[in-house]
Amino acid sequence: MSDLKVFEESVTGQKNIVRDYRDVIASGGDFKKITGTAALINSIRNLLLTPLGSYPFDPEYGSLLYKKIFEPADEQTRSEVEYEVKDRILQFHNKVRILSVQIDYFTNQKGFTVSLRIQKGEEEVSTKLDFDEAIVPGLE
């Protein structure tokens, strides 16, 4: 039996359940535990909002979306953002089916919102992510 299966069966008591923790303090005083599609959405958010190469132990983790914030708000940039979103999600979450990706620019054109619909198994989930100058490294 592999080490992962031993861990899943003996330590967690459950197999094939995705778990994560949010940076929100639950009523018990600990980080909020999330499972299922909420954990998947949290993982995708972290992936897309992390600048590529900034995670020290996995230089392939993250995305280049932060570089697109100050690009012209045109169709070429929209296509590049859509490609980056799809490529990164499929690289790290290959069991997810992307149903739609929509990019809407802010009125001041200094950022954009990515609206994402995904499917994992029988469940469909939607989320929105804002990308603006607040996520660009070095712009404090």
Protein backbone atom coordinates (compact mmCIF):
# COMPACT_ATOMS: atom_id res chain seq x y z
CA MET A 1 0.00 0.00 0.00
CA SER A 2 1.38 3.42 -0.89
CA ASP A 3 2.28 5.95 1.80
CA LEU A 4 -0.49 8.27 0.61
CA LYS A 5 -3.17 5.59 0.98
CA VAL A 6 -1.89 4.69 4.45
CA PHE A 7 -2.02 8.35 5.39
CA GLU A 8 -5.53 8.79 3.98
CA GLU A 9 -6.91 5.72 5.71
CA SER A 10 -5.15 5.89 9.07
CA VAL A 11 -4.63 9.58 9.70
CA THR A 12 -7.51 11.32 7.99
CA GLY A 13 -9.97 8.45 8.09
CA GLN A 14 -11.35 9.33 4.66
CA LYS A 15 -10.14 8.83 1.10
CA ASN A 16 -10.61 11.05 -1.94
CA ILE A 17 -11.79 14.08 0.00
CA VAL A 18 -10.05 17.32 -0.89
CA ARG A 19 -9.32 19.48 2.15
CA ASP A 20 -7.87 22.91 2.64
CA TYR A 21 -7.90 25.72 5.15
CA ARG A 22 -9.00 29.33 4.63
CA ASP A 23 -7.30 32.28 6.27
CA VAL A 24 -10.49 32.93 8.22
CA ILE A 25 -10.67 32.10 11.91
CA ALA A 26 -13.53 29.70 12.70
CA SER A 27 -15.58 29.88 15.90
CA GLY A 28 -13.26 27.32 17.54
CA GLY A 29 -10.29 29.68 17.17
CA ASP A 30 -8.59 27.74 14.39
CA PHE A 31 -8.42 28.31 10.65
CA LYS A 32 -11.63 27.42 8.84
CA LYS A 33 -11.51 23.93 7.31
CA ILE A 34 -13.05 23.61 3.86
CA THR A 35 -13.69 20.55 1.72
CA GLY A 36 -14.96 19.58 -1.71
CA THR A 37 -15.55 22.27 -4.30
CA ALA A 38 -14.86 25.07 -1.81
CA ALA A 39 -11.34 23.66 -1.36
CA LEU A 40 -10.97 23.37 -5.15
CA ILE A 41 -11.98 27.00 -5.70
CA ASN A 42 -9.60 28.09 -2.93
CA SER A 43 -6.78 26.16 -4.59
CA ILE A 44 -7.51 27.71 -7.99
CA ARG A 45 -7.65 31.20 -6.45
CA ASN A 46 -4.28 30.66 -4.79
CA LEU A 47 -2.78 29.32 -8.02
CA LEU A 48 -3.95 32.22 -10.21
CA LEU A 49 -3.20 34.97 -7.69
CA THR A 50 0.34 33.73 -6.95
CA PRO A 51 2.98 35.27 -9.24
CA LEU A 52 4.77 32.56 -11.21
CA GLY A 53 8.15 31.72 -9.70
CA SER A 54 7.47 33.31 -6.31
CA TYR A 55 6.84 30.03 -4.48
CA PRO A 56 10.34 28.89 -3.42
CA PHE A 57 9.85 25.11 -3.49
CA ASP A 58 7.86 24.96 -6.73
CA PRO A 59 8.95 27.56 -9.31
CA GLU A 60 6.28 26.31 -11.76
CA TYR A 61 3.46 27.18 -9.33
CA GLY A 62 1.52 30.38 -9.97
CA SER A 63 0.51 32.37 -13.02
CA LEU A 64 1.59 35.32 -15.14
CA LEU A 65 -1.74 37.12 -14.76
CA TYR A 66 -0.19 39.85 -12.62
CA LYS A 67 1.81 40.93 -15.70
CA LYS A 68 -1.40 41.52 -17.68
CA ILE A 69 -2.87 44.12 -15.32
CA PHE A 70 -1.32 47.14 -17.06
CA GLU A 71 -1.56 45.74 -20.59
CA PRO A 72 -3.97 47.39 -23.05
CA ALA A 73 -7.61 46.43 -22.47
CA ASP A 74 -8.03 44.85 -25.89
CA GLU A 75 -8.91 41.50 -27.42
CA GLN A 76 -5.31 40.30 -27.63
CA THR A 77 -4.78 40.79 -23.89
CA ARG A 78 -8.17 39.21 -23.20
CA SER A 79 -7.13 36.13 -25.21
CA GLU A 80 -3.78 35.94 -23.40
CA VAL A 81 -5.49 36.13 -20.00
CA GLU A 82 -8.00 33.45 -20.98
CA TYR A 83 -5.20 31.19 -22.23
CA GLU A 84 -3.16 31.69 -19.03
CA VAL A 85 -6.16 30.88 -16.82
CA LYS A 86 -7.00 27.71 -18.73
CA ASP A 87 -3.38 26.56 -19.07
CA ARG A 88 -2.54 26.99 -15.37
CA ILE A 89 -5.72 25.34 -14.13
CA LEU A 90 -5.29 22.35 -16.42
CA GLN A 91 -1.63 22.04 -15.43
CA PHE A 92 -2.41 21.77 -11.71
CA HIS A 93 -6.01 20.52 -11.71
CA ASN A 94 -6.23 18.14 -14.65
CA LYS A 95 -9.47 16.51 -13.43
CA VAL A 96 -11.37 19.78 -13.72
CA ARG A 97 -13.37 20.68 -16.81
CA ILE A 98 -13.39 24.40 -17.60
CA LEU A 99 -16.85 25.40 -18.81
CA SER A 100 -16.25 29.11 -19.33
CA VAL A 101 -13.76 31.89 -18.73
CA GLN A 102 -14.91 35.49 -19.07
CA ILE A 103 -12.68 38.53 -18.68
CA ASP A 104 -14.17 41.93 -17.85
CA TYR A 105 -11.94 45.00 -17.63
CA PHE A 106 -12.38 47.56 -14.86
CA THR A 107 -13.74 50.93 -15.98
CA ASN A 108 -10.38 52.58 -15.20
CA GLN A 109 -8.67 49.82 -17.28
CA LYS A 110 -6.15 49.12 -14.49
CA GLY A 111 -7.20 45.55 -13.90
CA PHE A 112 -9.79 42.95 -14.74
CA THR A 113 -12.15 40.36 -13.32
CA VAL A 114 -11.94 36.73 -14.34
CA SER A 115 -15.28 34.92 -14.09
CA LEU A 116 -14.75 31.20 -14.11
CA ARG A 117 -17.16 28.25 -14.34
CA ILE A 118 -15.72 24.80 -13.78
CA GLN A 119 -17.01 21.28 -13.38
CA LYS A 120 -15.54 18.49 -11.32
CA GLY A 121 -17.48 15.28 -11.45
CA GLU A 122 -21.15 16.21 -11.33
CA GLU A 123 -20.65 19.54 -9.55
CA GLU A 124 -20.49 22.91 -11.30
CA VAL A 125 -18.92 25.85 -9.49
CA SER A 126 -18.48 29.52 -10.37
CA THR A 127 -16.08 32.08 -8.97
CA LYS A 128 -14.80 35.57 -9.74
CA LEU A 129 -11.26 36.82 -9.21
CA ASP A 130 -10.16 40.46 -9.34
CA PHE A 131 -6.71 41.31 -10.63
CA ASP A 132 -5.53 44.84 -9.95
CA GLU A 133 -2.38 46.69 -8.93
CA ALA A 134 -2.72 45.39 -5.34
CA ILE A 135 -1.42 41.94 -6.41
CA VAL A 136 1.58 43.15 -8.40
CA PRO A 137 4.84 42.34 -6.56
CA GLY A 138 6.85 45.39 -5.56
CA LEU A 139 3.99 47.92 -5.82
CA GLU A 140 3.53 48.66 -2.11
